[in-house]
Each structure stands twice: as structure tokens, then as C-alpha cells.
């Protein structure tokens, strides 16, 4: 082995990693900082050699390095990540309910390894899930990867699906009496801090949502090819997500609703900026939107009390009345 070439190769890798972690469009690194870093790693470098290495990184590795004569340092015009992007990644990981504390710390550590010293210190913070509710299923991240693999290979998957119970001696109850689901996976969705599988269930002849942290014994991609392709091709998954509440599927209606003006934020948060809000009077506006009717939808409307009302169609209005009547009945004196 040519020792000289090995030394040059290692030095170039160290220099590349240092620039990618510490330099950016608005961040410079000075020559002396680079020299001190390489010396600490056991690869001291002379000024002329450093210039040669920088040229190699530009020509062979595609780094866009620019010298700033005013600040007397080097910018990297195409860093893999800017500090704010790493902070967004860390915040997303730390605030996710479907990742356990231990896994969140592990992934955050890997993200911090991509950052320079100053940025790493700013990443030493923690975003908090409300009440710090976390999934108890530590395999969610790996399970999601297995689902992605099945989607890429156009294959079905199998799994068991459970719900929690208040019984400490028997904390889980399994759907289908513990029998395996065989479904055709099409997408993974992140909603309200949870990961959901959107899949075609041939037994039910429809698409369904499954919480990934409540799926167990997820198989490797099966030999059977996915079903439901034609039906999926006719769906807009982003629009589909706006129709459902807390990932509860139901019969779809075009629902006309009236809201007080101060609820515009809540309506846009749910239905998106593209929703048309029609002025009803000085204090109210109306919208019409496709909704898959379910208890979470009625609960969402009820959250606003007298400030929101379903206007049509009549079957949905009647279901809303029944939802409220049943809830009120629970609080009647015995």
C-alpha cells in the first residue's frame, strides 16, 4: 500500500468533513482553524498543500468553496446541511410521539455528528411532546423501514394489530383474535405525532389506516404482489388526509359548515389554505369540504361549541345531533 496516498486520502476526508460541518453560505472557517483541526487529528498541513487540497475537493468532490477576502475565511456554498436545517431535524425527532426517548436520543446524536462544534451546542436542547407521551414500541423506526421496503418492491406485508386495555394483567387486545392481517401497503403518513400505514385490505375491499406503533410481527415483504393499484391511482393522498379526522375512515360526504370568524385559523389548519371561506354575515363564514364522517369529526366540531355548526347534508346533521345527545345523556342524573 502506498502510505503517502493513504495519508492524503485520510486528510482530504477530514478536511471535507470539517468544511461540511463548520462552513456554510454565511459561515466561514479561517485557514488557521483548518490547520489546527488537522494537526489535532494527526495530519498537520502546510499552507501550499492546503490550497492544493481545497482545489481537489472542488474538482473531485464537488464542493463549492469560496474565499471571502473581507472576513478572511472560506465559505462552503453547497453545505449538506445548514444549522437551522439540523435544528429542524432534531426538533422533529425529539417531538415525535412514535419514537421512544432512547431512539430519539440515538438519532439526535447521529444528527449532531453532522454539525460543527458551535452548532452541536445549539442542538443540545430538547423539544417536548405534550405530557411526554411516547410510543412504547421501540421498533417503530425499523418497522417503518420494512414497510417502505415492501412498497418499493410492490409486495404485500403481514402483521398483527392491537389496542391497549386498562387491564394490567392483559394490557393488549388483538384485532381478528390475533390473526394476521395481510395488506397491500401504499403510503406512510405522519399525523398528530403518530405514524400511520395507508394500505389496501382485500378482505374489506377498501383502504384503511393502521397505527404503525400498534403493529406487531411485521413480516418481510411477502411474495404476493400488491392489490388495489387501480383504486390507489385515483386517490390524492394529501387530499385524502384532509378528509379524515385522527385517521378514522368513514363514509364520505361533502359537508357544509358555518364557523365564527375567529375560527379561520382552525379551519385552515385542518383543511388547508386552499379551502374557500364564504362570508355568511358579519360574524360568520361557511365552507364546503369532503369529509369522511367519524366520531373524531363530530368531536372536532363539538370542540368549538356554539361557534361552529354543520349545515348540510341532512344525514350528517342528524348524526351530529345523535352524537351530542348521546354525550349529554351520560351526564343526566340517574
C-alpha atoms as a PDB file:
ATOM      1  CA  UNK A   1       0.000   0.000   0.000  1.00  0.00           C
ATOM      2  CA  UNK A   2       1.255   3.493  -0.861  1.00  0.00           C
ATOM      3  CA  UNK A   3       1.469   5.191   2.553  1.00  0.00           C
ATOM      4  CA  UNK A   4       1.650   8.681   1.046  1.00  0.00           C
ATOM      5  CA  UNK A   5      -1.596   8.254  -0.903  1.00  0.00           C
ATOM      6  CA  UNK A   6      -3.298   6.843   2.190  1.00  0.00           C
ATOM      7  CA  UNK A   7      -2.302   9.898   4.237  1.00  0.00           C
ATOM      8  CA  UNK A   8      -3.531  12.263   1.522  1.00  0.00           C
ATOM      9  CA  UNK A   9      -6.834  10.383   1.256  1.00  0.00           C
ATOM     10  CA  UNK A  10      -7.487  10.494   5.005  1.00  0.00           C
ATOM     11  CA  UNK A  11      -6.521  14.172   5.160  1.00  0.00           C
ATOM     12  CA  UNK A  12      -8.916  15.010   2.324  1.00  0.00           C
ATOM     13  CA  UNK A  13     -11.763  13.178   4.086  1.00  0.00           C
ATOM     14  CA  UNK A  14     -11.058  15.033   7.322  1.00  0.00           C
ATOM     15  CA  UNK A  15     -10.903  18.366   5.509  1.00  0.00           C
ATOM     16  CA  UNK A  16     -14.147  17.656   3.655  1.00  0.00           C
ATOM     17  CA  UNK A  17     -15.969  16.673   6.850  1.00  0.00           C
ATOM     18  CA  UNK A  18     -14.657  19.751   8.670  1.00  0.00           C
ATOM     19  CA  UNK A  19     -15.796  22.122   5.936  1.00  0.00           C
ATOM     20  CA  UNK A  20     -19.217  20.490   5.621  1.00  0.00           C
ATOM     21  CA  UNK A  21     -19.769  20.709   9.379  1.00  0.00           C
ATOM     22  CA  UNK A  22     -18.386  24.192  10.018  1.00  0.00           C
ATOM     23  CA  UNK A  23     -18.518  26.251   6.808  1.00  0.00           C
ATOM     24  CA  UNK A  24     -21.630  27.439   5.007  1.00  0.00           C
ATOM     25  CA  UNK A  25     -23.016  30.184   2.841  1.00  0.00           C
ATOM     26  CA  UNK A  26     -22.894  32.626   5.759  1.00  0.00           C
ATOM     27  CA  UNK A  27     -20.342  30.801   7.921  1.00  0.00           C
ATOM     28  CA  UNK A  28     -16.600  30.983   7.326  1.00  0.00           C
ATOM     29  CA  UNK A  29     -13.674  28.952   8.578  1.00  0.00           C
ATOM     30  CA  UNK A  30     -10.220  30.513   8.720  1.00  0.00           C
ATOM     31  CA  UNK A  31      -7.065  28.854   7.476  1.00  0.00           C
ATOM     32  CA  UNK A  32      -5.567  28.647  10.968  1.00  0.00           C
ATOM     33  CA  UNK A  33      -8.724  26.862  12.223  1.00  0.00           C
ATOM     34  CA  UNK A  34      -8.340  24.247   9.499  1.00  0.00           C
ATOM     35  CA  UNK A  35      -4.638  23.820  10.232  1.00  0.00           C
ATOM     36  CA  UNK A  36      -5.273  23.435  13.976  1.00  0.00           C
ATOM     37  CA  UNK A  37      -8.030  20.875  13.358  1.00  0.00           C
ATOM     38  CA  UNK A  38      -5.916  18.728  11.038  1.00  0.00           C
ATOM     39  CA  UNK A  39      -2.928  18.941  13.411  1.00  0.00           C
ATOM     40  CA  UNK A  40      -5.133  17.716  16.286  1.00  0.00           C
ATOM     41  CA  UNK A  41      -6.159  14.766  14.126  1.00  0.00           C
ATOM     42  CA  UNK A  42      -2.512  13.934  13.454  1.00  0.00           C
ATOM     43  CA  UNK A  43      -2.339  15.281   9.915  1.00  0.00           C
ATOM     44  CA  UNK A  44      -0.513  18.637  10.002  1.00  0.00           C
ATOM     45  CA  UNK A  45      -0.593  20.556   6.750  1.00  0.00           C
ATOM     46  CA  UNK A  46       1.339  23.393   5.132  1.00  0.00           C
ATOM     47  CA  UNK A  47      -0.293  26.434   3.554  1.00  0.00           C
ATOM     48  CA  UNK A  48       0.551  25.433  -0.033  1.00  0.00           C
ATOM     49  CA  UNK A  49      -0.679  21.863   0.490  1.00  0.00           C
ATOM     50  CA  UNK A  50      -3.932  23.151   1.968  1.00  0.00           C
ATOM     51  CA  UNK A  51      -4.626  25.185  -1.164  1.00  0.00           C
ATOM     52  CA  UNK A  52      -3.962  22.088  -3.286  1.00  0.00           C
ATOM     53  CA  UNK A  53      -6.335  20.011  -1.153  1.00  0.00           C
ATOM     54  CA  UNK A  54      -9.074  22.630  -1.461  1.00  0.00           C
ATOM     55  CA  UNK A  55      -8.771  22.534  -5.252  1.00  0.00           C
ATOM     56  CA  UNK A  56      -9.049  18.717  -5.194  1.00  0.00           C
ATOM     57  CA  UNK A  57     -12.184  18.930  -3.041  1.00  0.00           C
ATOM     58  CA  UNK A  58     -13.712  21.306  -5.571  1.00  0.00           C
ATOM     59  CA  UNK A  59     -12.757  19.334  -8.671  1.00  0.00           C
ATOM     60  CA  UNK A  60     -13.191  15.757  -7.439  1.00  0.00           C
ATOM     61  CA  UNK A  61     -15.788  16.038  -4.648  1.00  0.00           C
ATOM     62  CA  UNK A  62     -17.944  18.856  -5.986  1.00  0.00           C
ATOM     63  CA  UNK A  63     -17.524  21.183  -3.010  1.00  0.00           C
ATOM     64  CA  UNK A  64     -18.129  24.827  -3.924  1.00  0.00           C
ATOM     65  CA  UNK A  65     -15.512  26.610  -1.830  1.00  0.00           C
ATOM     66  CA  UNK A  66     -15.184  30.385  -1.924  1.00  0.00           C
ATOM     67  CA  UNK A  67     -12.662  32.614  -0.164  1.00  0.00           C
ATOM     68  CA  UNK A  68     -14.087  35.753   1.473  1.00  0.00           C
ATOM     69  CA  UNK A  69     -11.335  38.410   1.393  1.00  0.00           C
ATOM     70  CA  UNK A  70     -13.225  40.715   3.774  1.00  0.00           C
ATOM     71  CA  UNK A  71     -13.751  38.130   6.509  1.00  0.00           C
ATOM     72  CA  UNK A  72     -10.551  36.293   5.603  1.00  0.00           C
ATOM     73  CA  UNK A  73     -12.047  32.841   5.590  1.00  0.00           C
ATOM     74  CA  UNK A  74     -13.635  30.138   3.445  1.00  0.00           C
ATOM     75  CA  UNK A  75     -17.345  29.729   2.696  1.00  0.00           C
ATOM     76  CA  UNK A  76     -18.917  26.465   1.550  1.00  0.00           C
ATOM     77  CA  UNK A  77     -21.650  27.415  -0.903  1.00  0.00           C
ATOM     78  CA  UNK A  78     -23.222  23.943  -1.042  1.00  0.00           C
ATOM     79  CA  UNK A  79     -23.134  22.534   2.513  1.00  0.00           C
ATOM     80  CA  UNK A  80     -25.122  19.297   3.017  1.00  0.00           C
ATOM     81  CA  UNK A  81     -26.981  20.986   5.885  1.00  0.00           C
ATOM     82  CA  UNK A  82     -27.267  24.468   7.317  1.00  0.00           C
ATOM     83  CA  UNK A  83     -27.534  24.758  11.140  1.00  0.00           C
ATOM     84  CA  UNK A  84     -31.235  25.660  11.005  1.00  0.00           C
ATOM     85  CA  UNK A  85     -31.908  22.536   8.912  1.00  0.00           C
ATOM     86  CA  UNK A  86     -30.215  20.346  11.527  1.00  0.00           C
ATOM     87  CA  UNK A  87     -32.251  22.064  14.245  1.00  0.00           C
ATOM     88  CA  UNK A  88     -35.444  21.305  12.320  1.00  0.00           C
ATOM     89  CA  UNK A  89     -34.431  17.641  12.085  1.00  0.00           C
ATOM     90  CA  UNK A  90     -33.659  17.454  15.810  1.00  0.00           C
ATOM     91  CA  UNK A  91     -36.906  19.204  16.751  1.00  0.00           C
ATOM     92  CA  UNK A  92     -38.870  16.839  14.524  1.00  0.00           C
ATOM     93  CA  UNK A  93     -37.225  13.772  16.062  1.00  0.00           C
ATOM     94  CA  UNK A  94     -37.495  14.991  19.658  1.00  0.00           C
ATOM     95  CA  UNK A  95     -41.158  15.992  19.332  1.00  0.00           C
ATOM     96  CA  UNK A  96     -42.284  12.786  17.638  1.00  0.00           C
ATOM     97  CA  UNK A  97     -44.542  10.592  19.769  1.00  0.00           C
ATOM     98  CA  UNK A  98     -43.873   7.418  17.797  1.00  0.00           C
ATOM     99  CA  UNK A  99     -40.139   7.406  18.637  1.00  0.00           C
ATOM    100  CA  UNK A 100     -39.077   6.396  22.150  1.00  0.00           C
ATOM    101  CA  UNK A 101     -36.830   8.646  24.239  1.00  0.00           C
ATOM    102  CA  UNK A 102     -33.896   6.290  23.768  1.00  0.00           C
ATOM    103  CA  UNK A 103     -34.277   6.119  19.984  1.00  0.00           C
ATOM    104  CA  UNK A 104     -34.799   9.906  19.807  1.00  0.00           C
ATOM    105  CA  UNK A 105     -31.525  10.466  21.694  1.00  0.00           C
ATOM    106  CA  UNK A 106     -29.717   7.994  19.445  1.00  0.00           C
ATOM    107  CA  UNK A 107     -30.902   9.622  16.208  1.00  0.00           C
ATOM    108  CA  UNK A 108     -30.250  13.110  17.596  1.00  0.00           C
ATOM    109  CA  UNK A 109     -26.682  12.060  18.363  1.00  0.00           C
ATOM    110  CA  UNK A 110     -26.193  10.995  14.755  1.00  0.00           C
ATOM    111  CA  UNK A 111     -27.578  14.312  13.507  1.00  0.00           C
ATOM    112  CA  UNK A 112     -25.269  16.226  15.854  1.00  0.00           C
ATOM    113  CA  UNK A 113     -22.309  14.367  14.360  1.00  0.00           C
ATOM    114  CA  UNK A 114     -23.042  16.212  11.099  1.00  0.00           C
ATOM    115  CA  UNK A 115     -22.612  19.588  12.796  1.00  0.00           C
ATOM    116  CA  UNK A 116     -19.666  21.718  13.854  1.00  0.00           C
ATOM    117  CA  UNK A 117     -18.859  22.486  17.482  1.00  0.00           C
ATOM    118  CA  UNK A 118     -20.916  25.689  17.753  1.00  0.00           C
ATOM    119  CA  UNK A 119     -23.923  24.140  16.040  1.00  0.00           C
ATOM    120  CA  UNK A 120     -23.688  20.983  18.178  1.00  0.00           C
ATOM    121  CA  UNK A 121     -24.014  23.129  21.296  1.00  0.00           C
ATOM    122  CA  UNK A 122     -27.174  24.742  19.919  1.00  0.00           C
ATOM    123  CA  UNK A 123     -28.567  21.255  19.256  1.00  0.00           C
ATOM    124  CA  UNK A 124     -28.182  20.343  22.934  1.00  0.00           C
ATOM    125  CA  UNK A 125     -31.794  21.182  23.543  1.00  0.00           C
ATOM    126  CA  UNK A 126     -34.950  19.171  23.719  1.00  0.00           C
ATOM    127  CA  UNK A 127     -38.375  19.705  22.251  1.00  0.00           C
ATOM    128  CA  UNK A 128     -41.121  18.204  24.363  1.00  0.00           C
ATOM    129  CA  UNK A 129     -44.113  16.115  23.456  1.00  0.00           C
ATOM    130  CA  UNK A 130     -47.165  17.210  25.456  1.00  0.00           C
ATOM    131  CA  UNK A 131     -47.007  15.295  28.751  1.00  0.00           C
ATOM    132  CA  UNK A 132     -44.056  13.486  27.199  1.00  0.00           C
ATOM    133  CA  UNK A 133     -46.321  10.783  25.804  1.00  0.00           C
ATOM    134  CA  UNK A 134     -44.185   8.307  23.903  1.00  0.00           C
ATOM    135  CA  UNK A 135     -44.849   5.135  21.995  1.00  0.00           C
ATOM    136  CA  UNK A 136     -43.881   2.028  23.946  1.00  0.00           C
ATOM    137  CA  UNK A 137     -42.958   0.214  20.736  1.00  0.00           C
ATOM    138  CA  UNK A 138     -39.214   0.771  20.221  1.00  0.00           C
ATOM    139  CA  UNK A 139     -39.221  -0.939  16.824  1.00  0.00           C
ATOM    140  CA  UNK A 140     -41.358   1.663  15.028  1.00  0.00           C
ATOM    141  CA  UNK A 141     -38.459   3.164  13.077  1.00  0.00           C
ATOM    142  CA  UNK A 142     -37.289  -0.244  11.828  1.00  0.00           C
ATOM    143  CA  UNK A 143     -40.874  -1.313  11.136  1.00  0.00           C
ATOM    144  CA  UNK A 144     -41.417   1.798   9.017  1.00  0.00           C
ATOM    145  CA  UNK A 145     -38.303   0.955   7.030  1.00  0.00           C
ATOM    146  CA  UNK A 146     -39.629  -2.564   6.438  1.00  0.00           C
ATOM    147  CA  UNK A 147     -42.908  -1.095   5.177  1.00  0.00           C
ATOM    148  CA  UNK A 148     -41.027   1.245   2.844  1.00  0.00           C
ATOM    149  CA  UNK A 149     -39.147  -1.781   1.519  1.00  0.00           C
ATOM    150  CA  UNK A 150     -42.413  -3.591   0.774  1.00  0.00           C
ATOM    151  CA  UNK A 151     -43.784  -0.527  -1.037  1.00  0.00           C
ATOM    152  CA  UNK A 152     -40.609  -0.261  -3.123  1.00  0.00           C
ATOM    153  CA  UNK A 153     -40.784  -3.972  -4.001  1.00  0.00           C
ATOM    154  CA  UNK A 154     -44.532  -3.804  -4.765  1.00  0.00           C
ATOM    155  CA  UNK A 155     -45.263  -6.542  -2.209  1.00  0.00           C
ATOM    156  CA  UNK A 156     -47.844  -7.215   0.492  1.00  0.00           C
ATOM    157  CA  UNK A 157     -46.978  -7.427   4.191  1.00  0.00           C
ATOM    158  CA  UNK A 158     -48.403  -9.261   7.179  1.00  0.00           C
ATOM    159  CA  UNK A 159     -48.734  -8.156  10.816  1.00  0.00           C
ATOM    160  CA  UNK A 160     -50.782  -8.425  13.987  1.00  0.00           C
ATOM    161  CA  UNK A 161     -52.703  -5.344  15.154  1.00  0.00           C
ATOM    162  CA  UNK A 162     -53.545  -4.488  18.749  1.00  0.00           C
ATOM    163  CA  UNK A 163     -55.219  -1.913  21.000  1.00  0.00           C
ATOM    164  CA  UNK A 164     -54.386  -1.140  24.628  1.00  0.00           C
ATOM    165  CA  UNK A 165     -56.689  -2.108  27.503  1.00  0.00           C
ATOM    166  CA  UNK A 166     -56.871  -0.857  31.125  1.00  0.00           C
ATOM    167  CA  UNK A 167     -56.167  -4.411  32.357  1.00  0.00           C
ATOM    168  CA  UNK A 168     -52.571  -4.508  33.628  1.00  0.00           C
ATOM    169  CA  UNK A 169     -52.506  -8.288  33.530  1.00  0.00           C
ATOM    170  CA  UNK A 170     -53.605  -8.260  29.891  1.00  0.00           C
ATOM    171  CA  UNK A 171     -52.655  -4.807  28.521  1.00  0.00           C
ATOM    172  CA  UNK A 172     -53.285  -5.588  24.845  1.00  0.00           C
ATOM    173  CA  UNK A 173     -56.201  -6.921  22.852  1.00  0.00           C
ATOM    174  CA  UNK A 174     -55.603  -8.111  19.297  1.00  0.00           C
ATOM    175  CA  UNK A 175     -57.848  -7.468  16.316  1.00  0.00           C
ATOM    176  CA  UNK A 176     -59.067 -10.532  14.404  1.00  0.00           C
ATOM    177  CA  UNK A 177     -58.435 -12.573  17.581  1.00  0.00           C
ATOM    178  CA  UNK A 178     -54.713 -12.262  16.982  1.00  0.00           C
ATOM    179  CA  UNK A 179     -54.845 -13.487  13.392  1.00  0.00           C
ATOM    180  CA  UNK A 180     -52.515 -11.861  10.905  1.00  0.00           C
ATOM    181  CA  UNK A 181     -53.554  -9.026   8.617  1.00  0.00           C
ATOM    182  CA  UNK A 182     -52.338  -9.330   5.023  1.00  0.00           C
ATOM    183  CA  UNK A 183     -52.491  -5.929   3.323  1.00  0.00           C
ATOM    184  CA  UNK A 184     -51.039  -4.024   0.386  1.00  0.00           C
ATOM    185  CA  UNK A 185     -49.049  -1.023   1.718  1.00  0.00           C
ATOM    186  CA  UNK A 186     -49.123   2.225  -0.263  1.00  0.00           C
ATOM    187  CA  UNK A 187     -48.019   5.079   1.991  1.00  0.00           C
ATOM    188  CA  UNK A 188     -46.808   6.074   5.436  1.00  0.00           C
ATOM    189  CA  UNK A 189     -48.428   9.189   6.896  1.00  0.00           C
ATOM    190  CA  UNK A 190     -47.445  11.290   9.883  1.00  0.00           C
ATOM    191  CA  UNK A 191     -50.486  12.755  11.621  1.00  0.00           C
ATOM    192  CA  UNK A 192     -50.705  14.406  15.030  1.00  0.00           C
ATOM    193  CA  UNK A 193     -47.329  12.989  16.037  1.00  0.00           C
ATOM    194  CA  UNK A 194     -48.149   9.411  15.042  1.00  0.00           C
ATOM    195  CA  UNK A 195     -47.088   7.223  12.116  1.00  0.00           C
ATOM    196  CA  UNK A 196     -49.860   5.559  10.074  1.00  0.00           C
ATOM    197  CA  UNK A 197     -49.792   2.949   7.338  1.00  0.00           C
ATOM    198  CA  UNK A 198     -52.232   3.563   4.496  1.00  0.00           C
ATOM    199  CA  UNK A 199     -52.949   0.158   2.968  1.00  0.00           C
ATOM    200  CA  UNK A 200     -55.443  -1.732   0.864  1.00  0.00           C
ATOM    201  CA  UNK A 201     -57.233  -4.501   2.773  1.00  0.00           C
ATOM    202  CA  UNK A 202     -58.553  -7.005   0.224  1.00  0.00           C
ATOM    203  CA  UNK A 203     -60.728  -8.723   2.869  1.00  0.00           C
ATOM    204  CA  UNK A 204     -62.635  -5.480   3.452  1.00  0.00           C
ATOM    205  CA  UNK A 205     -62.211  -4.355  -0.172  1.00  0.00           C
ATOM    206  CA  UNK A 206     -61.140  -0.859   0.923  1.00  0.00           C
ATOM    207  CA  UNK A 207     -58.209   1.279   2.033  1.00  0.00           C
ATOM    208  CA  UNK A 208     -57.528   1.509   5.760  1.00  0.00           C
ATOM    209  CA  UNK A 209     -55.248   3.269   8.235  1.00  0.00           C
ATOM    210  CA  UNK A 210     -53.123   1.384  10.780  1.00  0.00           C
ATOM    211  CA  UNK A 211     -51.048   2.952  13.571  1.00  0.00           C
ATOM    212  CA  UNK A 212     -47.515   1.660  12.997  1.00  0.00           C
ATOM    213  CA  UNK A 213     -46.691   1.566  16.726  1.00  0.00           C
ATOM    214  CA  UNK A 214     -49.645  -0.829  17.193  1.00  0.00           C
ATOM    215  CA  UNK A 215     -48.460  -3.237  14.530  1.00  0.00           C
ATOM    216  CA  UNK A 216     -46.506  -6.303  15.672  1.00  0.00           C
ATOM    217  CA  UNK A 217     -44.572  -9.054  13.929  1.00  0.00           C
ATOM    218  CA  UNK A 218     -44.410  -7.154  10.654  1.00  0.00           C
ATOM    219  CA  UNK A 219     -43.218  -9.611   8.047  1.00  0.00           C
ATOM    220  CA  UNK A 220     -40.573  -9.035   5.450  1.00  0.00           C
ATOM    221  CA  UNK A 221     -42.147  -8.244   2.054  1.00  0.00           C
ATOM    222  CA  UNK A 222     -44.265 -11.221   1.004  1.00  0.00           C
ATOM    223  CA  UNK A 223     -44.196 -12.900  -2.394  1.00  0.00           C
ATOM    224  CA  UNK A 224     -47.718 -11.701  -3.203  1.00  0.00           C
ATOM    225  CA  UNK A 225     -47.837  -8.501  -5.241  1.00  0.00           C
ATOM    226  CA  UNK A 226     -49.888  -5.551  -4.006  1.00  0.00           C
ATOM    227  CA  UNK A 227     -53.587  -5.296  -4.767  1.00  0.00           C
ATOM    228  CA  UNK A 228     -55.731  -2.178  -5.119  1.00  0.00           C
ATOM    229  CA  UNK A 229     -53.400  -0.366  -7.528  1.00  0.00           C
ATOM    230  CA  UNK A 230     -56.149   0.993  -9.759  1.00  0.00           C
ATOM    231  CA  UNK A 231     -58.104   2.326  -6.789  1.00  0.00           C
ATOM    232  CA  UNK A 232     -54.971   3.929  -5.327  1.00  0.00           C
ATOM    233  CA  UNK A 233     -54.099   5.612  -8.628  1.00  0.00           C
ATOM    234  CA  UNK A 234     -57.384   7.514  -8.381  1.00  0.00           C
ATOM    235  CA  UNK A 235     -56.623   8.844  -4.901  1.00  0.00           C
ATOM    236  CA  UNK A 236     -54.783  12.032  -3.974  1.00  0.00           C
ATOM    237  CA  UNK A 237     -53.136  11.010  -0.716  1.00  0.00           C
ATOM    238  CA  UNK A 238     -52.682  14.595   0.517  1.00  0.00           C
ATOM    239  CA  UNK A 239     -56.316  15.479  -0.173  1.00  0.00           C
ATOM    240  CA  UNK A 240     -57.332  12.157   1.347  1.00  0.00           C
ATOM    241  CA  UNK A 241     -55.549  13.055   4.574  1.00  0.00           C
ATOM    242  CA  UNK A 242     -57.536  16.290   4.875  1.00  0.00           C
ATOM    243  CA  UNK A 243     -60.817  14.370   4.655  1.00  0.00           C
ATOM    244  CA  UNK A 244     -60.197  12.191   7.704  1.00  0.00           C
ATOM    245  CA  UNK A 245     -60.019  13.065  11.383  1.00  0.00           C
ATOM    246  CA  UNK A 246     -57.492  11.255  13.587  1.00  0.00           C
ATOM    247  CA  UNK A 247     -57.170   8.718  10.756  1.00  0.00           C
ATOM    248  CA  UNK A 248     -60.698   7.345  11.284  1.00  0.00           C
ATOM    249  CA  UNK A 249     -62.180   6.220   7.982  1.00  0.00           C
ATOM    250  CA  UNK A 250     -65.881   6.579   7.233  1.00  0.00           C
ATOM    251  CA  UNK A 251     -68.433   7.303   4.552  1.00  0.00           C
ATOM    252  CA  UNK A 252     -67.537  10.426   2.609  1.00  0.00           C
ATOM    253  CA  UNK A 253     -69.862  13.414   2.350  1.00  0.00           C
ATOM    254  CA  UNK A 254     -69.424  16.951   1.095  1.00  0.00           C
ATOM    255  CA  UNK A 255     -70.204  18.797   4.318  1.00  0.00           C
ATOM    256  CA  UNK A 256     -71.237  22.446   4.542  1.00  0.00           C
ATOM    257  CA  UNK A 257     -70.252  24.070   7.829  1.00  0.00           C
ATOM    258  CA  UNK A 258     -70.568  27.510   9.398  1.00  0.00           C
ATOM    259  CA  UNK A 259     -67.926  28.995  11.706  1.00  0.00           C
ATOM    260  CA  UNK A 260     -67.385  32.221  13.583  1.00  0.00           C
ATOM    261  CA  UNK A 261     -64.699  34.390  12.014  1.00  0.00           C
ATOM    262  CA  UNK A 262     -62.175  33.786  14.811  1.00  0.00           C
ATOM    263  CA  UNK A 263     -62.056  30.087  13.841  1.00  0.00           C
ATOM    264  CA  UNK A 264     -60.449  30.753  10.443  1.00  0.00           C
ATOM    265  CA  UNK A 265     -57.056  29.582  11.773  1.00  0.00           C
ATOM    266  CA  UNK A 266     -58.501  26.265  12.971  1.00  0.00           C
ATOM    267  CA  UNK A 267     -60.294  25.697   9.660  1.00  0.00           C
ATOM    268  CA  UNK A 268     -57.170  26.386   7.603  1.00  0.00           C
ATOM    269  CA  UNK A 269     -55.079  24.181   9.913  1.00  0.00           C
ATOM    270  CA  UNK A 270     -57.444  21.304   9.195  1.00  0.00           C
ATOM    271  CA  UNK A 271     -58.491  21.810   5.568  1.00  0.00           C
ATOM    272  CA  UNK A 272     -55.548  23.771   4.183  1.00  0.00           C
ATOM    273  CA  UNK A 273     -55.081  27.235   2.726  1.00  0.00           C
ATOM    274  CA  UNK A 274     -56.922  26.222  -0.431  1.00  0.00           C
ATOM    275  CA  UNK A 275     -60.270  25.948   1.336  1.00  0.00           C
ATOM    276  CA  UNK A 276     -62.807  28.553   0.146  1.00  0.00           C
ATOM    277  CA  UNK A 277     -64.306  30.534   3.029  1.00  0.00           C
ATOM    278  CA  UNK A 278     -67.545  32.278   2.042  1.00  0.00           C
ATOM    279  CA  UNK A 279     -68.823  35.225   4.070  1.00  0.00           C
ATOM    280  CA  UNK A 280     -72.153  34.360   5.710  1.00  0.00           C
ATOM    281  CA  UNK A 281     -72.663  37.552   7.747  1.00  0.00           C
ATOM    282  CA  UNK A 282     -70.577  39.997   9.773  1.00  0.00           C
ATOM    283  CA  UNK A 283     -69.561  37.325  12.279  1.00  0.00           C
ATOM    284  CA  UNK A 284     -69.572  34.046  10.324  1.00  0.00           C
ATOM    285  CA  UNK A 285     -68.222  32.289   7.242  1.00  0.00           C
ATOM    286  CA  UNK A 286     -69.109  28.965   5.620  1.00  0.00           C
ATOM    287  CA  UNK A 287     -67.091  26.242   3.910  1.00  0.00           C
ATOM    288  CA  UNK A 288     -67.885  23.078   1.967  1.00  0.00           C
ATOM    289  CA  UNK A 289     -65.388  20.239   2.214  1.00  0.00           C
ATOM    290  CA  UNK A 290     -65.235  16.475   1.608  1.00  0.00           C
ATOM    291  CA  UNK A 291     -65.162  14.704   4.970  1.00  0.00           C
ATOM    292  CA  UNK A 292     -65.087  11.032   5.944  1.00  0.00           C
ATOM    293  CA  UNK A 293     -67.684  11.053   8.707  1.00  0.00           C
ATOM    294  CA  UNK A 294     -66.492   9.620  12.028  1.00  0.00           C
ATOM    295  CA  UNK A 295     -66.731  10.303  15.791  1.00  0.00           C
ATOM    296  CA  UNK A 296     -63.477  12.341  15.758  1.00  0.00           C
ATOM    297  CA  UNK A 297     -65.035  14.683  13.174  1.00  0.00           C
ATOM    298  CA  UNK A 298     -68.078  15.288  15.367  1.00  0.00           C
ATOM    299  CA  UNK A 299     -65.802  15.747  18.388  1.00  0.00           C
ATOM    300  CA  UNK A 300     -63.797  18.341  16.435  1.00  0.00           C
ATOM    301  CA  UNK A 301     -66.964  20.304  15.620  1.00  0.00           C
ATOM    302  CA  UNK A 302     -68.165  19.999  19.236  1.00  0.00           C
ATOM    303  CA  UNK A 303     -64.873  21.464  20.455  1.00  0.00           C
ATOM    304  CA  UNK A 304     -65.999  24.866  19.204  1.00  0.00           C
ATOM    305  CA  UNK A 305     -69.361  24.803  20.984  1.00  0.00           C
ATOM    306  CA  UNK A 306     -71.839  27.313  19.543  1.00  0.00           C
ATOM    307  CA  UNK A 307     -69.153  28.831  17.310  1.00  0.00           C
ATOM    308  CA  UNK A 308     -69.392  26.030  14.703  1.00  0.00           C
ATOM    309  CA  UNK A 309     -72.359  24.268  13.106  1.00  0.00           C
ATOM    310  CA  UNK A 310     -72.908  21.608  10.437  1.00  0.00           C
ATOM    311  CA  UNK A 311     -75.453  22.949   7.930  1.00  0.00           C
ATOM    312  CA  UNK A 312     -75.763  20.052   5.475  1.00  0.00           C
ATOM    313  CA  UNK A 313     -76.274  17.367   4.273  1.00  0.00           C
ATOM    314  CA  UNK A 314     -79.148  16.280   6.476  1.00  0.00           C
ATOM    315  CA  UNK A 315     -77.771  12.767   7.261  1.00  0.00           C
ATOM    316  CA  UNK A 316     -74.605  14.326   8.714  1.00  0.00           C
ATOM    317  CA  UNK A 317     -76.619  16.905  10.675  1.00  0.00           C
ATOM    318  CA  UNK A 318     -78.688  14.078  12.185  1.00  0.00           C
ATOM    319  CA  UNK A 319     -75.565  12.104  13.066  1.00  0.00           C
ATOM    320  CA  UNK A 320     -74.161  15.203  14.787  1.00  0.00           C
ATOM    321  CA  UNK A 321     -77.373  15.617  16.802  1.00  0.00           C
ATOM    322  CA  UNK A 322     -77.210  11.966  17.822  1.00  0.00           C
ATOM    323  CA  UNK A 323     -73.540  12.339  18.812  1.00  0.00           C
ATOM    324  CA  UNK A 324     -74.353  15.304  21.062  1.00  0.00           C
ATOM    325  CA  UNK A 325     -77.474  13.661  22.507  1.00  0.00           C
ATOM    326  CA  UNK A 326     -75.572  10.524  23.469  1.00  0.00           C
ATOM    327  CA  UNK A 327     -72.847  12.589  25.108  1.00  0.00           C
ATOM    328  CA  UNK A 328     -75.373  14.721  27.003  1.00  0.00           C
ATOM    329  CA  UNK A 329     -77.284  11.623  28.111  1.00  0.00           C
ATOM    330  CA  UNK A 330     -74.232  10.423  30.026  1.00  0.00           C
ATOM    331  CA  UNK A 331     -74.464  13.472  32.294  1.00  0.00           C
ATOM    332  CA  UNK A 332     -78.150  13.231  33.119  1.00  0.00           C
ATOM    333  CA  UNK A 333     -78.979  12.467  36.738  1.00  0.00           C
ATOM    334  CA  UNK A 334     -79.551   8.777  37.360  1.00  0.00           C
END
